[in-house]
mmCIF file of all heavy atoms, coordinates in Angstrom:
data_MODEL
# 
_entry.id   MODEL 
# 
loop_
_atom_site.group_PDB 
_atom_site.id 
_atom_site.type_symbol 
_atom_site.label_atom_id 
_atom_site.label_alt_id 
_atom_site.label_comp_id 
_atom_site.label_asym_id 
_atom_site.label_entity_id 
_atom_site.label_seq_id 
_atom_site.pdbx_PDB_ins_code 
_atom_site.Cartn_x 
_atom_site.Cartn_y 
_atom_site.Cartn_z 
_atom_site.occupancy 
_atom_site.B_iso_or_equiv 
_atom_site.pdbx_formal_charge 
_atom_site.auth_seq_id 
_atom_site.auth_comp_id 
_atom_site.auth_asym_id 
_atom_site.auth_atom_id 
_atom_site.pdbx_PDB_model_num 
ATOM 1   N N   . LEU A 1 1  ? 14.290  -2.247 -1.647  1.00 0.00 ? 1  LEU A N   1 
ATOM 2   C CA  . LEU A 1 1  ? 15.251  -2.710 -2.649  1.00 0.00 ? 1  LEU A CA  1 
ATOM 3   C C   . LEU A 1 1  ? 14.581  -3.213 -3.928  1.00 0.00 ? 1  LEU A C   1 
ATOM 4   O O   . LEU A 1 1  ? 15.264  -3.496 -4.917  1.00 0.00 ? 1  LEU A O   1 
ATOM 5   C CB  . LEU A 1 1  ? 16.131  -3.824 -2.076  1.00 0.00 ? 1  LEU A CB  1 
ATOM 6   C CG  . LEU A 1 1  ? 17.038  -3.423 -0.920  1.00 0.00 ? 1  LEU A CG  1 
ATOM 7   C CD1 . LEU A 1 1  ? 17.828  -4.626 -0.421  1.00 0.00 ? 1  LEU A CD1 1 
ATOM 8   C CD2 . LEU A 1 1  ? 17.985  -2.304 -1.332  1.00 0.00 ? 1  LEU A CD2 1 
ATOM 9   N N   . LEU A 1 2  ? 13.254  -3.316 -3.916  1.00 0.00 ? 2  LEU A N   1 
ATOM 10  C CA  . LEU A 1 2  ? 12.551  -3.727 -5.129  1.00 0.00 ? 2  LEU A CA  1 
ATOM 11  C C   . LEU A 1 2  ? 12.636  -2.611 -6.168  1.00 0.00 ? 2  LEU A C   1 
ATOM 12  O O   . LEU A 1 2  ? 12.533  -1.430 -5.816  1.00 0.00 ? 2  LEU A O   1 
ATOM 13  C CB  . LEU A 1 2  ? 11.085  -4.039 -4.821  1.00 0.00 ? 2  LEU A CB  1 
ATOM 14  C CG  . LEU A 1 2  ? 10.835  -5.250 -3.934  1.00 0.00 ? 2  LEU A CG  1 
ATOM 15  C CD1 . LEU A 1 2  ? 9.368   -5.299 -3.506  1.00 0.00 ? 2  LEU A CD1 1 
ATOM 16  C CD2 . LEU A 1 2  ? 11.207  -6.526 -4.667  1.00 0.00 ? 2  LEU A CD2 1 
ATOM 17  N N   . PRO A 1 3  ? 12.833  -2.970 -7.439  1.00 0.00 ? 3  PRO A N   1 
ATOM 18  C CA  . PRO A 1 3  ? 12.950  -1.944 -8.474  1.00 0.00 ? 3  PRO A CA  1 
ATOM 19  C C   . PRO A 1 3  ? 11.681  -1.084 -8.562  1.00 0.00 ? 3  PRO A C   1 
ATOM 20  O O   . PRO A 1 3  ? 10.570  -1.600 -8.486  1.00 0.00 ? 3  PRO A O   1 
ATOM 21  C CB  . PRO A 1 3  ? 13.134  -2.747 -9.771  1.00 0.00 ? 3  PRO A CB  1 
ATOM 22  C CG  . PRO A 1 3  ? 13.449  -4.132 -9.353  1.00 0.00 ? 3  PRO A CG  1 
ATOM 23  C CD  . PRO A 1 3  ? 12.960  -4.310 -7.956  1.00 0.00 ? 3  PRO A CD  1 
ATOM 24  N N   . LYS A 1 4  ? 11.878  0.213  -8.677  1.00 0.00 ? 4  LYS A N   1 
ATOM 25  C CA  . LYS A 1 4  ? 10.796  1.195  -8.864  1.00 0.00 ? 4  LYS A CA  1 
ATOM 26  C C   . LYS A 1 4  ? 9.833   1.273  -7.680  1.00 0.00 ? 4  LYS A C   1 
ATOM 27  O O   . LYS A 1 4  ? 8.699   1.699  -7.822  1.00 0.00 ? 4  LYS A O   1 
ATOM 28  C CB  . LYS A 1 4  ? 10.025  0.904  -10.153 1.00 0.00 ? 4  LYS A CB  1 
ATOM 29  C CG  . LYS A 1 4  ? 10.883  0.962  -11.394 1.00 0.00 ? 4  LYS A CG  1 
ATOM 30  C CD  . LYS A 1 4  ? 10.077  0.690  -12.625 1.00 0.00 ? 4  LYS A CD  1 
ATOM 31  C CE  . LYS A 1 4  ? 10.982  0.706  -13.847 1.00 0.00 ? 4  LYS A CE  1 
ATOM 32  N NZ  . LYS A 1 4  ? 10.274  0.407  -15.060 1.00 0.00 ? 4  LYS A NZ  1 
ATOM 33  N N   . ILE A 1 5  ? 10.269  0.839  -6.506  1.00 0.00 ? 5  ILE A N   1 
ATOM 34  C CA  . ILE A 1 5  ? 9.412   0.917  -5.328  1.00 0.00 ? 5  ILE A CA  1 
ATOM 35  C C   . ILE A 1 5  ? 9.950   1.993  -4.394  1.00 0.00 ? 5  ILE A C   1 
ATOM 36  O O   . ILE A 1 5  ? 11.082  1.942  -3.947  1.00 0.00 ? 5  ILE A O   1 
ATOM 37  C CB  . ILE A 1 5  ? 9.347   -0.438 -4.584  1.00 0.00 ? 5  ILE A CB  1 
ATOM 38  C CG1 . ILE A 1 5  ? 8.774   -1.520 -5.469  1.00 0.00 ? 5  ILE A CG1 1 
ATOM 39  C CG2 . ILE A 1 5  ? 8.548   -0.311 -3.300  1.00 0.00 ? 5  ILE A CG2 1 
ATOM 40  C CD1 . ILE A 1 5  ? 7.316   -1.331 -5.843  1.00 0.00 ? 5  ILE A CD1 1 
ATOM 41  N N   . GLU A 1 6  ? 9.102   2.981  -4.145  1.00 0.00 ? 6  GLU A N   1 
ATOM 42  C CA  . GLU A 1 6  ? 9.421   4.056  -3.211  1.00 0.00 ? 6  GLU A CA  1 
ATOM 43  C C   . GLU A 1 6  ? 8.358   4.038  -2.131  1.00 0.00 ? 6  GLU A C   1 
ATOM 44  O O   . GLU A 1 6  ? 7.330   3.378  -2.266  1.00 0.00 ? 6  GLU A O   1 
ATOM 45  C CB  . GLU A 1 6  ? 9.403   5.398  -3.940  1.00 0.00 ? 6  GLU A CB  1 
ATOM 46  C CG  . GLU A 1 6  ? 10.368  5.470  -5.100  1.00 0.00 ? 6  GLU A CG  1 
ATOM 47  C CD  . GLU A 1 6  ? 10.120  6.702  -5.964  1.00 0.00 ? 6  GLU A CD  1 
ATOM 48  O OE1 . GLU A 1 6  ? 9.088   7.377  -5.781  1.00 0.00 ? 6  GLU A OE1 1 
ATOM 49  O OE2 . GLU A 1 6  ? 10.958  6.971  -6.824  1.00 0.00 ? 6  GLU A OE2 1 
ATOM 50  N N   . SER A 1 7  ? 8.564   4.775  -1.072  1.00 0.00 ? 7  SER A N   1 
ATOM 51  C CA  . SER A 1 7  ? 7.600   4.771  0.026   1.00 0.00 ? 7  SER A CA  1 
ATOM 52  C C   . SER A 1 7  ? 6.209   5.199  -0.435  1.00 0.00 ? 7  SER A C   1 
ATOM 53  O O   . SER A 1 7  ? 5.200   4.669  0.048   1.00 0.00 ? 7  SER A O   1 
ATOM 54  C CB  . SER A 1 7  ? 8.083   5.646  1.178   1.00 0.00 ? 7  SER A CB  1 
ATOM 55  O OG  . SER A 1 7  ? 8.283   6.971  0.744   1.00 0.00 ? 7  SER A OG  1 
ATOM 56  N N   . VAL A 1 8  ? 6.138   6.123  -1.387  1.00 0.00 ? 8  VAL A N   1 
ATOM 57  C CA  . VAL A 1 8  ? 4.842   6.581  -1.903  1.00 0.00 ? 8  VAL A CA  1 
ATOM 58  C C   . VAL A 1 8  ? 4.125   5.431  -2.607  1.00 0.00 ? 8  VAL A C   1 
ATOM 59  O O   . VAL A 1 8  ? 2.914   5.264  -2.467  1.00 0.00 ? 8  VAL A O   1 
ATOM 60  C CB  . VAL A 1 8  ? 5.026   7.781  -2.860  1.00 0.00 ? 8  VAL A CB  1 
ATOM 61  C CG1 . VAL A 1 8  ? 3.724   8.148  -3.528  1.00 0.00 ? 8  VAL A CG1 1 
ATOM 62  C CG2 . VAL A 1 8  ? 5.620   8.957  -2.128  1.00 0.00 ? 8  VAL A CG2 1 
ATOM 63  N N   . VAL A 1 9  ? 4.865   4.617  -3.323  1.00 0.00 ? 9  VAL A N   1 
ATOM 64  C CA  . VAL A 1 9  ? 4.278   3.461  -4.016  1.00 0.00 ? 9  VAL A CA  1 
ATOM 65  C C   . VAL A 1 9  ? 3.776   2.445  -2.992  1.00 0.00 ? 9  VAL A C   1 
ATOM 66  O O   . VAL A 1 9  ? 2.684   1.894  -3.145  1.00 0.00 ? 9  VAL A O   1 
ATOM 67  C CB  . VAL A 1 9  ? 5.300   2.824  -4.983  1.00 0.00 ? 9  VAL A CB  1 
ATOM 68  C CG1 . VAL A 1 9  ? 4.763   1.537  -5.577  1.00 0.00 ? 9  VAL A CG1 1 
ATOM 69  C CG2 . VAL A 1 9  ? 5.698   3.803  -6.081  1.00 0.00 ? 9  VAL A CG2 1 
ATOM 70  N N   . ILE A 1 10 ? 4.546   2.210  -1.956  1.00 0.00 ? 10 ILE A N   1 
ATOM 71  C CA  . ILE A 1 10 ? 4.137   1.259  -0.917  1.00 0.00 ? 10 ILE A CA  1 
ATOM 72  C C   . ILE A 1 10 ? 2.853   1.741  -0.247  1.00 0.00 ? 10 ILE A C   1 
ATOM 73  O O   . ILE A 1 10 ? 1.916   0.964  -0.044  1.00 0.00 ? 10 ILE A O   1 
ATOM 74  C CB  . ILE A 1 10 ? 5.260   1.050  0.115   1.00 0.00 ? 10 ILE A CB  1 
ATOM 75  C CG1 . ILE A 1 10 ? 6.451   0.347  -0.555  1.00 0.00 ? 10 ILE A CG1 1 
ATOM 76  C CG2 . ILE A 1 10 ? 4.760   0.243  1.315   1.00 0.00 ? 10 ILE A CG2 1 
ATOM 77  C CD1 . ILE A 1 10 ? 7.705   0.292  0.286   1.00 0.00 ? 10 ILE A CD1 1 
ATOM 78  N N   . LEU A 1 11 ? 2.766   3.020  0.052   1.00 0.00 ? 11 LEU A N   1 
ATOM 79  C CA  . LEU A 1 11 ? 1.557   3.560  0.670   1.00 0.00 ? 11 LEU A CA  1 
ATOM 80  C C   . LEU A 1 11 ? 0.359   3.445  -0.273  1.00 0.00 ? 11 LEU A C   1 
ATOM 81  O O   . LEU A 1 11 ? -0.758  3.146  0.157   1.00 0.00 ? 11 LEU A O   1 
ATOM 82  C CB  . LEU A 1 11 ? 1.767   5.002  1.110   1.00 0.00 ? 11 LEU A CB  1 
ATOM 83  C CG  . LEU A 1 11 ? 2.761   5.183  2.248   1.00 0.00 ? 11 LEU A CG  1 
ATOM 84  C CD1 . LEU A 1 11 ? 2.978   6.660  2.545   1.00 0.00 ? 11 LEU A CD1 1 
ATOM 85  C CD2 . LEU A 1 11 ? 2.316   4.445  3.491   1.00 0.00 ? 11 LEU A CD2 1 
ATOM 86  N N   . SER A 1 12 ? 0.577   3.645  -1.548  1.00 0.00 ? 12 SER A N   1 
ATOM 87  C CA  . SER A 1 12 ? -0.480  3.489  -2.539  1.00 0.00 ? 12 SER A CA  1 
ATOM 88  C C   . SER A 1 12 ? -0.971  2.045  -2.591  1.00 0.00 ? 12 SER A C   1 
ATOM 89  O O   . SER A 1 12 ? -2.178  1.789  -2.667  1.00 0.00 ? 12 SER A O   1 
ATOM 90  C CB  . SER A 1 12 ? 0.029   3.929  -3.913  1.00 0.00 ? 12 SER A CB  1 
ATOM 91  O OG  . SER A 1 12 ? -0.946  3.705  -4.896  1.00 0.00 ? 12 SER A OG  1 
ATOM 92  N N   . VAL A 1 13 ? -0.053  1.112  -2.521  1.00 0.00 ? 13 VAL A N   1 
ATOM 93  C CA  . VAL A 1 13 ? -0.414  -0.314 -2.496  1.00 0.00 ? 13 VAL A CA  1 
ATOM 94  C C   . VAL A 1 13 ? -1.234  -0.623 -1.247  1.00 0.00 ? 13 VAL A C   1 
ATOM 95  O O   . VAL A 1 13 ? -2.226  -1.358 -1.314  1.00 0.00 ? 13 VAL A O   1 
ATOM 96  C CB  . VAL A 1 13 ? 0.853   -1.201 -2.570  1.00 0.00 ? 13 VAL A CB  1 
ATOM 97  C CG1 . VAL A 1 13 ? 0.537   -2.645 -2.257  1.00 0.00 ? 13 VAL A CG1 1 
ATOM 98  C CG2 . VAL A 1 13 ? 1.507   -1.074 -3.937  1.00 0.00 ? 13 VAL A CG2 1 
ATOM 99  N N   . VAL A 1 14 ? -0.839  -0.057 -0.125  1.00 0.00 ? 14 VAL A N   1 
ATOM 100 C CA  . VAL A 1 14 ? -1.565  -0.287 1.128   1.00 0.00 ? 14 VAL A CA  1 
ATOM 101 C C   . VAL A 1 14 ? -2.999  0.224  1.009   1.00 0.00 ? 14 VAL A C   1 
ATOM 102 O O   . VAL A 1 14 ? -3.955  -0.456 1.414   1.00 0.00 ? 14 VAL A O   1 
ATOM 103 C CB  . VAL A 1 14 ? -0.826  0.353  2.321   1.00 0.00 ? 14 VAL A CB  1 
ATOM 104 C CG1 . VAL A 1 14 ? -1.706  0.374  3.564   1.00 0.00 ? 14 VAL A CG1 1 
ATOM 105 C CG2 . VAL A 1 14 ? 0.464   -0.404 2.595   1.00 0.00 ? 14 VAL A CG2 1 
ATOM 106 N N   . VAL A 1 15 ? -3.195  1.387  0.437   1.00 0.00 ? 15 VAL A N   1 
ATOM 107 C CA  . VAL A 1 15 ? -4.539  1.931  0.242   1.00 0.00 ? 15 VAL A CA  1 
ATOM 108 C C   . VAL A 1 15 ? -5.349  1.010  -0.674  1.00 0.00 ? 15 VAL A C   1 
ATOM 109 O O   . VAL A 1 15 ? -6.521  0.719  -0.406  1.00 0.00 ? 15 VAL A O   1 
ATOM 110 C CB  . VAL A 1 15 ? -4.479  3.371  -0.327  1.00 0.00 ? 15 VAL A CB  1 
ATOM 111 C CG1 . VAL A 1 15 ? -5.857  3.848  -0.771  1.00 0.00 ? 15 VAL A CG1 1 
ATOM 112 C CG2 . VAL A 1 15 ? -3.903  4.317  0.712   1.00 0.00 ? 15 VAL A CG2 1 
ATOM 113 N N   . ASP A 1 16 ? -4.732  0.533  -1.744  1.00 0.00 ? 16 ASP A N   1 
ATOM 114 C CA  . ASP A 1 16 ? -5.412  -0.398 -2.647  1.00 0.00 ? 16 ASP A CA  1 
ATOM 115 C C   . ASP A 1 16 ? -5.790  -1.687 -1.927  1.00 0.00 ? 16 ASP A C   1 
ATOM 116 O O   . ASP A 1 16 ? -6.879  -2.233 -2.141  1.00 0.00 ? 16 ASP A O   1 
ATOM 117 C CB  . ASP A 1 16 ? -4.541  -0.722 -3.862  1.00 0.00 ? 16 ASP A CB  1 
ATOM 118 C CG  . ASP A 1 16 ? -4.369  0.459  -4.797  1.00 0.00 ? 16 ASP A CG  1 
ATOM 119 O OD1 . ASP A 1 16 ? -5.137  1.441  -4.694  1.00 0.00 ? 16 ASP A OD1 1 
ATOM 120 O OD2 . ASP A 1 16 ? -3.448  0.402  -5.646  1.00 0.00 ? 16 ASP A OD2 1 
ATOM 121 N N   . LEU A 1 17 ? -4.904  -2.181 -1.065  1.00 0.00 ? 17 LEU A N   1 
ATOM 122 C CA  . LEU A 1 17 ? -5.190  -3.388 -0.296  1.00 0.00 ? 17 LEU A CA  1 
ATOM 123 C C   . LEU A 1 17 ? -6.348  -3.159 0.677   1.00 0.00 ? 17 LEU A C   1 
ATOM 124 O O   . LEU A 1 17 ? -7.200  -4.024 0.847   1.00 0.00 ? 17 LEU A O   1 
ATOM 125 C CB  . LEU A 1 17 ? -3.943  -3.857 0.462   1.00 0.00 ? 17 LEU A CB  1 
ATOM 126 C CG  . LEU A 1 17 ? -2.839  -4.465 -0.382  1.00 0.00 ? 17 LEU A CG  1 
ATOM 127 C CD1 . LEU A 1 17 ? -1.572  -4.634 0.449   1.00 0.00 ? 17 LEU A CD1 1 
ATOM 128 C CD2 . LEU A 1 17 ? -3.281  -5.806 -0.958  1.00 0.00 ? 17 LEU A CD2 1 
ATOM 129 N N   . GLU A 1 18 ? -6.370  -1.996 1.311   1.00 0.00 ? 18 GLU A N   1 
ATOM 130 C CA  . GLU A 1 18 ? -7.475  -1.670 2.217   1.00 0.00 ? 18 GLU A CA  1 
ATOM 131 C C   . GLU A 1 18 ? -8.804  -1.733 1.476   1.00 0.00 ? 18 GLU A C   1 
ATOM 132 O O   . GLU A 1 18 ? -9.770  -2.318 1.973   1.00 0.00 ? 18 GLU A O   1 
ATOM 133 C CB  . GLU A 1 18 ? -7.295  -0.283 2.820   1.00 0.00 ? 18 GLU A CB  1 
ATOM 134 C CG  . GLU A 1 18 ? -6.231  -0.186 3.870   1.00 0.00 ? 18 GLU A CG  1 
ATOM 135 C CD  . GLU A 1 18 ? -6.104  1.210  4.440   1.00 0.00 ? 18 GLU A CD  1 
ATOM 136 O OE1 . GLU A 1 18 ? -6.081  2.190  3.669   1.00 0.00 ? 18 GLU A OE1 1 
ATOM 137 O OE2 . GLU A 1 18 ? -6.014  1.308  5.673   1.00 0.00 ? 18 GLU A OE2 1 
ATOM 138 N N   . ASP A 1 19 ? -8.834  -1.155 0.294   1.00 0.00 ? 19 ASP A N   1 
ATOM 139 C CA  . ASP A 1 19 ? -10.063 -1.147 -0.502  1.00 0.00 ? 19 ASP A CA  1 
ATOM 140 C C   . ASP A 1 19 ? -10.440 -2.554 -0.951  1.00 0.00 ? 19 ASP A C   1 
ATOM 141 O O   . ASP A 1 19 ? -11.591 -2.962 -0.839  1.00 0.00 ? 19 ASP A O   1 
ATOM 142 C CB  . ASP A 1 19 ? -9.909  -0.236 -1.725  1.00 0.00 ? 19 ASP A CB  1 
ATOM 143 C CG  . ASP A 1 19 ? -9.796  1.230  -1.362  1.00 0.00 ? 19 ASP A CG  1 
ATOM 144 O OD1 . ASP A 1 19 ? -10.176 1.604  -0.231  1.00 0.00 ? 19 ASP A OD1 1 
ATOM 145 O OD2 . ASP A 1 19 ? -9.319  2.006  -2.206  1.00 0.00 ? 19 ASP A OD2 1 
ATOM 146 N N   . ALA A 1 20 ? -9.468  -3.292 -1.445  1.00 0.00 ? 20 ALA A N   1 
ATOM 147 C CA  . ALA A 1 20 ? -9.737  -4.632 -1.987  1.00 0.00 ? 20 ALA A CA  1 
ATOM 148 C C   . ALA A 1 20 ? -10.133 -5.627 -0.901  1.00 0.00 ? 20 ALA A C   1 
ATOM 149 O O   . ALA A 1 20 ? -10.969 -6.508 -1.146  1.00 0.00 ? 20 ALA A O   1 
ATOM 150 C CB  . ALA A 1 20 ? -8.512  -5.144 -2.744  1.00 0.00 ? 20 ALA A CB  1 
ATOM 151 N N   . LEU A 1 21 ? -9.554  -5.481 0.279   1.00 0.00 ? 21 LEU A N   1 
ATOM 152 C CA  . LEU A 1 21 ? -9.779  -6.447 1.357   1.00 0.00 ? 21 LEU A CA  1 
ATOM 153 C C   . LEU A 1 21 ? -10.773 -5.958 2.409   1.00 0.00 ? 21 LEU A C   1 
ATOM 154 O O   . LEU A 1 21 ? -11.069 -6.679 3.352   1.00 0.00 ? 21 LEU A O   1 
ATOM 155 C CB  . LEU A 1 21 ? -8.451  -6.794 2.037   1.00 0.00 ? 21 LEU A CB  1 
ATOM 156 C CG  . LEU A 1 21 ? -7.381  -7.400 1.129   1.00 0.00 ? 21 LEU A CG  1 
ATOM 157 C CD1 . LEU A 1 21 ? -6.060  -7.532 1.878   1.00 0.00 ? 21 LEU A CD1 1 
ATOM 158 C CD2 . LEU A 1 21 ? -7.834  -8.741 0.570   1.00 0.00 ? 21 LEU A CD2 1 
ATOM 159 N N   . SER A 1 22 ? -11.242 -4.727 2.242   1.00 0.00 ? 22 SER A N   1 
ATOM 160 C CA  . SER A 1 22 ? -12.163 -4.117 3.212   1.00 0.00 ? 22 SER A CA  1 
ATOM 161 C C   . SER A 1 22 ? -11.606 -4.209 4.633   1.00 0.00 ? 22 SER A C   1 
ATOM 162 O O   . SER A 1 22 ? -12.278 -4.665 5.565   1.00 0.00 ? 22 SER A O   1 
ATOM 163 C CB  . SER A 1 22 ? -13.541 -4.783 3.143   1.00 0.00 ? 22 SER A CB  1 
ATOM 164 O OG  . SER A 1 22 ? -14.112 -4.602 1.876   1.00 0.00 ? 22 SER A OG  1 
ATOM 165 N N   . VAL A 1 23 ? -10.367 -3.780 4.776   1.00 0.00 ? 23 VAL A N   1 
ATOM 166 C CA  . VAL A 1 23 ? -9.700  -3.804 6.072   1.00 0.00 ? 23 VAL A CA  1 
ATOM 167 C C   . VAL A 1 23 ? -9.019  -2.451 6.293   1.00 0.00 ? 23 VAL A C   1 
ATOM 168 O O   . VAL A 1 23 ? -8.554  -1.826 5.340   1.00 0.00 ? 23 VAL A O   1 
ATOM 169 C CB  . VAL A 1 23 ? -8.669  -4.961 6.150   1.00 0.00 ? 23 VAL A CB  1 
ATOM 170 C CG1 . VAL A 1 23 ? -7.563  -4.790 5.166   1.00 0.00 ? 23 VAL A CG1 1 
ATOM 171 C CG2 . VAL A 1 23 ? -8.132  -5.138 7.547   1.00 0.00 ? 23 VAL A CG2 1 
ATOM 172 N N   . ALA A 1 24 ? -9.012  -1.989 7.529   1.00 0.00 ? 24 ALA A N   1 
ATOM 173 C CA  . ALA A 1 24 ? -8.301  -0.756 7.876   1.00 0.00 ? 24 ALA A CA  1 
ATOM 174 C C   . ALA A 1 24 ? -6.894  -1.139 8.330   1.00 0.00 ? 24 ALA A C   1 
ATOM 175 O O   . ALA A 1 24 ? -6.733  -1.904 9.280   1.00 0.00 ? 24 ALA A O   1 
ATOM 176 C CB  . ALA A 1 24 ? -9.032  -0.009 8.981   1.00 0.00 ? 24 ALA A CB  1 
ATOM 177 N N   . ILE A 1 25 ? -5.916  -0.629 7.636   1.00 0.00 ? 25 ILE A N   1 
ATOM 178 C CA  . ILE A 1 25 ? -4.527  -0.930 7.953   1.00 0.00 ? 25 ILE A CA  1 
ATOM 179 C C   . ILE A 1 25 ? -3.944  0.281  8.686   1.00 0.00 ? 25 ILE A C   1 
ATOM 180 O O   . ILE A 1 25 ? -3.883  1.374  8.123   1.00 0.00 ? 25 ILE A O   1 
ATOM 181 C CB  . ILE A 1 25 ? -3.722  -1.240 6.671   1.00 0.00 ? 25 ILE A CB  1 
ATOM 182 C CG1 . ILE A 1 25 ? -4.340  -2.444 5.950   1.00 0.00 ? 25 ILE A CG1 1 
ATOM 183 C CG2 . ILE A 1 25 ? -2.257  -1.493 7.004   1.00 0.00 ? 25 ILE A CG2 1 
ATOM 184 C CD1 . ILE A 1 25 ? -3.777  -2.719 4.575   1.00 0.00 ? 25 ILE A CD1 1 
ATOM 185 N N   . PRO A 1 26 ? -3.540  0.101  9.946   1.00 0.00 ? 26 PRO A N   1 
ATOM 186 C CA  . PRO A 1 26 ? -2.969  1.221  10.705  1.00 0.00 ? 26 PRO A CA  1 
ATOM 187 C C   . PRO A 1 26 ? -1.753  1.821  9.993   1.00 0.00 ? 26 PRO A C   1 
ATOM 188 O O   . PRO A 1 26 ? -1.025  1.124  9.289   1.00 0.00 ? 26 PRO A O   1 
ATOM 189 C CB  . PRO A 1 26 ? -2.567  0.587  12.038  1.00 0.00 ? 26 PRO A CB  1 
ATOM 190 C CG  . PRO A 1 26 ? -3.429  -0.625 12.161  1.00 0.00 ? 26 PRO A CG  1 
ATOM 191 C CD  . PRO A 1 26 ? -3.610  -1.118 10.753  1.00 0.00 ? 26 PRO A CD  1 
ATOM 192 N N   . ASP A 1 27 ? -1.559  3.103  10.185  1.00 0.00 ? 27 ASP A N   1 
ATOM 193 C CA  . ASP A 1 27 ? -0.481  3.828  9.503   1.00 0.00 ? 27 ASP A CA  1 
ATOM 194 C C   . ASP A 1 27 ? 0.906   3.260  9.766   1.00 0.00 ? 27 ASP A C   1 
ATOM 195 O O   . ASP A 1 27 ? 1.795   3.393  8.937   1.00 0.00 ? 27 ASP A O   1 
ATOM 196 C CB  . ASP A 1 27 ? -0.501  5.307  9.893   1.00 0.00 ? 27 ASP A CB  1 
ATOM 197 C CG  . ASP A 1 27 ? -1.740  6.018  9.371   1.00 0.00 ? 27 ASP A CG  1 
ATOM 198 O OD1 . ASP A 1 27 ? -2.366  5.524  8.408   1.00 0.00 ? 27 ASP A OD1 1 
ATOM 199 O OD2 . ASP A 1 27 ? -2.085  7.074  9.936   1.00 0.00 ? 27 ASP A OD2 1 
# 
């Protein structure tokens, strides 16, 4: 429900978080 947020954007954020936090986030 957040403006301009689609599943592709959420997945992109997750990848960025993995890189920034050096953590593997399960799919």
